[in-house]
N, C-alpha and C. Protein backbone atom coordinates (compact mmCIF):
# COMPACT_ATOMS: atom_id res chain seq x y z
N MET A 1 -2.38 8.36 7.45
CA MET A 1 -3.91 8.41 7.48
C MET A 1 -4.18 7.07 6.73
N PHE A 2 -4.05 6.72 5.53
CA PHE A 2 -4.45 5.72 4.52
C PHE A 2 -4.31 4.65 5.29
N LYS A 3 -3.01 4.57 5.63
CA LYS A 3 -2.52 2.90 6.10
C LYS A 3 -3.17 2.88 7.41
N LYS A 4 -3.19 3.72 8.70
CA LYS A 4 -4.25 3.66 9.67
C LYS A 4 -5.90 3.32 9.66
N LEU A 5 -5.90 4.03 8.06
CA LEU A 5 -7.69 3.89 7.87
C LEU A 5 -7.96 2.60 8.01
N PHE A 6 -6.90 1.47 6.67
CA PHE A 6 -6.96 0.35 6.68
C PHE A 6 -6.21 -0.78 7.60
N GLY A 7 -5.45 -0.15 8.27
CA GLY A 7 -4.53 -1.26 9.03
C GLY A 7 -3.49 -1.83 8.47
N LEU A 8 -3.42 -1.34 7.99
CA LEU A 8 -2.32 -1.84 6.94
C LEU A 8 -0.97 -1.34 7.59
N GLN A 9 -0.53 -1.08 7.75
CA GLN A 9 1.10 -0.80 9.32
C GLN A 9 1.95 -1.32 8.17
N ASN A 10 2.82 -0.80 7.31
CA ASN A 10 4.23 -1.66 6.77
C ASN A 10 3.33 -2.62 5.85
N LYS A 11 2.30 -2.64 5.64
CA LYS A 11 2.13 -3.61 4.59
C LYS A 11 1.28 -3.61 3.11
N ILE A 12 1.75 -2.16 2.63
CA ILE A 12 1.50 -1.88 1.57
C ILE A 12 2.92 -1.76 0.72
N PRO A 13 1.66 -3.03 -0.24
CA PRO A 13 3.70 -3.68 -1.56
C PRO A 13 4.72 -1.95 -2.37
N ASP A 14 5.73 -2.78 -2.38
CA ASP A 14 6.22 -2.30 -3.37
C ASP A 14 5.92 -1.79 -4.58
N ALA A 15 5.04 -2.36 -4.65
CA ALA A 15 4.54 -2.17 -6.44
C ALA A 15 3.53 -1.25 -6.18
N LEU A 16 3.29 -0.40 -5.34
CA LEU A 16 2.59 0.53 -5.04
C LEU A 16 3.64 2.19 -4.63
N SER A 17 4.72 1.95 -4.69
CA SER A 17 5.75 3.00 -4.58
C SER A 17 5.52 3.71 -5.22
N GLY A 18 4.92 3.77 -5.96
CA GLY A 18 5.20 4.89 -7.78
C GLY A 18 3.77 5.75 -7.13
N VAL A 19 2.59 5.47 -7.12
CA VAL A 19 1.24 5.96 -6.23
C VAL A 19 1.54 6.96 -5.01
N ASN A 20 1.34 8.29 -6.18
CA ASN A 20 0.44 9.37 -4.73
C ASN A 20 0.02 9.20 -3.78
N PHE A 21 0.44 8.80 -2.90
CA PHE A 21 -0.32 8.11 -1.09
C PHE A 21 -0.53 9.79 -0.82
N LYS A 22 0.15 10.64 -1.33
CA LYS A 22 -0.75 12.16 -0.73
C LYS A 22 -1.76 12.76 -1.51
N LYS A 23 -1.97 12.29 -2.87
CA LYS A 23 -2.88 13.02 -3.53
C LYS A 23 -4.08 11.96 -2.43
N ILE A 24 -4.28 10.82 -3.08
CA ILE A 24 -5.21 9.96 -2.53
C ILE A 24 -5.61 10.26 -0.98
N LEU A 25 -4.66 10.80 -0.55
CA LEU A 25 -5.20 11.05 0.50
C LEU A 25 -5.78 12.24 0.96
N GLU A 26 -5.27 13.19 0.26
CA GLU A 26 -7.07 14.27 -0.37
C GLU A 26 -7.77 13.81 -0.79
N THR A 27 -7.68 12.82 -1.37
CA THR A 27 -8.86 12.53 -2.58
C THR A 27 -9.62 12.17 -1.35
N MET A 28 -9.76 11.42 -0.12
CA MET A 28 -9.46 10.32 1.06
C MET A 28 -10.56 11.52 1.97
N LYS A 29 -10.32 12.15 2.34
CA LYS A 29 -10.47 13.19 2.98
C LYS A 29 -12.03 13.57 2.50
N LYS A 30 -12.24 13.60 1.50
CA LYS A 30 -13.81 14.10 0.77
C LYS A 30 -14.65 13.10 1.46
N ASN A 31 -14.50 12.08 1.55
CA ASN A 31 -16.07 11.36 1.79
C ASN A 31 -15.21 10.21 3.00
N PRO A 32 -14.71 10.80 4.82
CA PRO A 32 -14.31 10.15 5.25
C PRO A 32 -14.89 9.11 6.01
N GLU A 33 -15.95 9.73 5.82
CA GLU A 33 -17.62 8.44 6.66
C GLU A 33 -17.68 7.58 5.94
N LEU A 34 -17.13 7.35 4.59
CA LEU A 34 -16.87 6.05 3.68
C LEU A 34 -15.73 5.38 4.54
N PHE A 35 -14.78 6.38 4.78
CA PHE A 35 -13.36 5.03 4.62
C PHE A 35 -13.82 5.29 5.77
N LYS A 36 -14.42 5.59 7.46
CA LYS A 36 -14.41 5.15 7.94
C LYS A 36 -15.55 4.03 8.07
N LYS A 37 -16.44 3.73 7.20
CA LYS A 37 -17.23 2.27 7.49
C LYS A 37 -17.07 1.50 6.56
N ILE A 38 -16.62 1.41 5.90
CA ILE A 38 -15.05 0.94 5.02
C ILE A 38 -14.42 -0.16 5.93
N SER A 39 -13.27 1.57 6.89
CA SER A 39 -12.58 0.00 8.17
C SER A 39 -12.66 -0.43 8.73
N THR A 40 -13.97 0.29 9.65
CA THR A 40 -15.14 -0.69 10.73
C THR A 40 -15.45 -2.29 10.01
N GLU A 41 -15.69 -2.67 8.96
CA GLU A 41 -16.38 -3.92 8.14
C GLU A 41 -15.16 -4.53 7.78
N VAL A 42 -14.00 -3.94 7.42
CA VAL A 42 -12.66 -4.94 7.44
C VAL A 42 -12.70 -5.80 9.00
N LYS A 43 -12.46 -4.67 9.77
CA LYS A 43 -11.47 -5.07 10.49
C LYS A 43 -12.88 -6.09 11.71
N ALA A 44 -14.03 -5.89 11.06
CA ALA A 44 -15.24 -6.54 11.94
C ALA A 44 -14.79 -7.86 11.51
N LYS A 45 -14.86 -8.28 10.04
CA LYS A 45 -14.48 -8.92 10.01
C LYS A 45 -13.65 -10.24 10.35
N VAL A 46 -12.51 -9.46 10.30
CA VAL A 46 -10.71 -10.08 10.18
C VAL A 46 -11.06 -10.11 11.94
N GLU A 47 -11.59 -9.54 12.72
CA GLU A 47 -12.02 -10.25 14.10
C GLU A 47 -12.64 -11.01 14.43
N LEU A 48 -13.16 -11.67 13.66
CA LEU A 48 -14.08 -13.14 12.52
C LEU A 48 -13.23 -13.84 12.54
N GLY A 49 -12.22 -13.71 12.20
CA GLY A 49 -10.88 -14.59 11.52
C GLY A 49 -11.15 -14.79 9.88
N GLN A 50 -11.31 -13.73 9.12
CA GLN A 50 -11.30 -13.83 8.03
C GLN A 50 -9.92 -12.99 7.88
N ASP A 51 -9.36 -13.87 6.69
CA ASP A 51 -7.90 -13.25 6.04
C ASP A 51 -8.51 -11.81 6.44
N GLU A 52 -7.14 -10.86 6.10
CA GLU A 52 -7.54 -9.40 6.23
C GLU A 52 -7.17 -9.05 4.59
N THR A 53 -6.62 -9.95 3.27
CA THR A 53 -6.24 -9.11 2.15
C THR A 53 -8.34 -9.36 1.86
N ALA A 54 -8.69 -10.70 2.40
CA ALA A 54 -9.59 -11.20 1.91
C ALA A 54 -10.70 -9.91 1.97
N ALA A 55 -10.90 -9.47 3.74
CA ALA A 55 -11.71 -8.88 3.81
C ALA A 55 -12.50 -7.58 3.32
N THR A 56 -10.58 -7.07 3.34
CA THR A 56 -10.29 -5.61 2.78
C THR A 56 -11.50 -6.00 1.07
N GLN A 57 -10.79 -6.72 0.29
CA GLN A 57 -11.31 -7.63 -0.78
C GLN A 57 -12.75 -7.01 -0.79
N GLU A 58 -13.73 -7.46 0.07
CA GLU A 58 -14.94 -7.85 -0.04
C GLU A 58 -15.72 -6.41 0.51
N VAL A 59 -15.28 -5.94 1.10
CA VAL A 59 -15.72 -4.66 1.59
C VAL A 59 -14.98 -3.74 0.68
N ALA A 60 -14.15 -3.96 -0.30
CA ALA A 60 -14.13 -2.76 -1.48
C ALA A 60 -14.88 -2.90 -2.01
N GLY A 61 -15.10 -4.05 -2.76
CA GLY A 61 -16.50 -4.98 -3.73
C GLY A 61 -17.72 -4.23 -3.26
N LYS A 62 -18.03 -4.41 -1.73
CA LYS A 62 -19.96 -3.83 -1.63
C LYS A 62 -19.72 -2.49 -1.57
N TYR A 63 -18.55 -1.77 -1.82
CA TYR A 63 -18.52 0.07 -2.34
C TYR A 63 -17.56 0.68 -3.39
N LYS A 64 -17.98 -0.55 -4.26
CA LYS A 64 -17.74 0.04 -5.51
C LYS A 64 -17.37 1.14 -5.94
N GLU A 65 -18.89 0.98 -6.36
CA GLU A 65 -19.63 2.68 -7.44
C GLU A 65 -18.64 3.69 -6.12
N GLU A 66 -19.47 3.49 -4.94
CA GLU A 66 -18.58 4.86 -4.50
C GLU A 66 -16.79 4.36 -4.85
N LEU A 67 -16.14 4.01 -4.67
CA LEU A 67 -14.49 4.62 -4.61
C LEU A 67 -14.85 4.78 -6.16
N THR A 68 -14.89 4.23 -6.76
CA THR A 68 -14.95 4.86 -8.52
C THR A 68 -14.98 5.98 -8.55
N GLU A 69 -15.52 6.32 -8.51
CA GLU A 69 -16.57 7.78 -8.11
C GLU A 69 -15.61 8.81 -7.81
N ILE A 70 -15.00 8.44 -6.26
CA ILE A 70 -14.09 9.22 -5.13
C ILE A 70 -12.64 9.20 -6.18
N PHE A 71 -12.66 7.95 -6.29
CA PHE A 71 -10.78 7.95 -6.96
C PHE A 71 -11.03 7.86 -7.96
N LYS A 72 -11.68 8.78 -9.35
CA LYS A 72 -11.90 8.45 -10.53
C LYS A 72 -10.34 9.08 -11.91
N ASP A 73 -10.72 10.09 -10.73
CA ASP A 73 -9.16 10.83 -11.32
C ASP A 73 -7.55 10.97 -11.10
N GLU A 74 -7.64 9.65 -9.76
CA GLU A 74 -6.66 8.96 -9.52
C GLU A 74 -6.80 8.14 -10.41
N LEU A 75 -7.45 7.03 -10.63
CA LEU A 75 -7.33 6.08 -11.90
C LEU A 75 -7.13 5.97 -12.62
N LYS A 76 -7.54 7.17 -13.51
CA LYS A 76 -6.73 8.09 -14.58
C LYS A 76 -5.36 7.96 -14.72
N ASP A 77 -4.97 8.39 -13.79
CA ASP A 77 -3.14 8.81 -13.65
C ASP A 77 -2.79 7.04 -13.15
N ILE A 78 -3.07 6.16 -12.82
CA ILE A 78 -2.68 4.85 -12.68
C ILE A 78 -3.03 4.15 -14.10
N LYS A 79 -3.46 4.22 -14.65
CA LYS A 79 -3.96 3.69 -16.03
C LYS A 79 -3.08 4.07 -17.26
N LYS A 80 -1.73 5.33 -17.01
CA LYS A 80 -1.27 5.66 -17.42
C LYS A 80 0.09 5.05 -17.34
């Protein structure tokens, strides 16, 4: 689901291999509308020719406060 939402099939780097994606997916389910909106906006930017990574970073930055709030527990785990 995470990969599908962001169109990242086989693009998640090995550096994230220790991240608990099951926990992240559970967290994402708390606000699926936000992730649908992010996915739609990223896709639109990519279709206009913007690099996928740059588009994702730009859109994620737009929703930084919401994403930080949603993932606050996961961010604590990653920082450890």
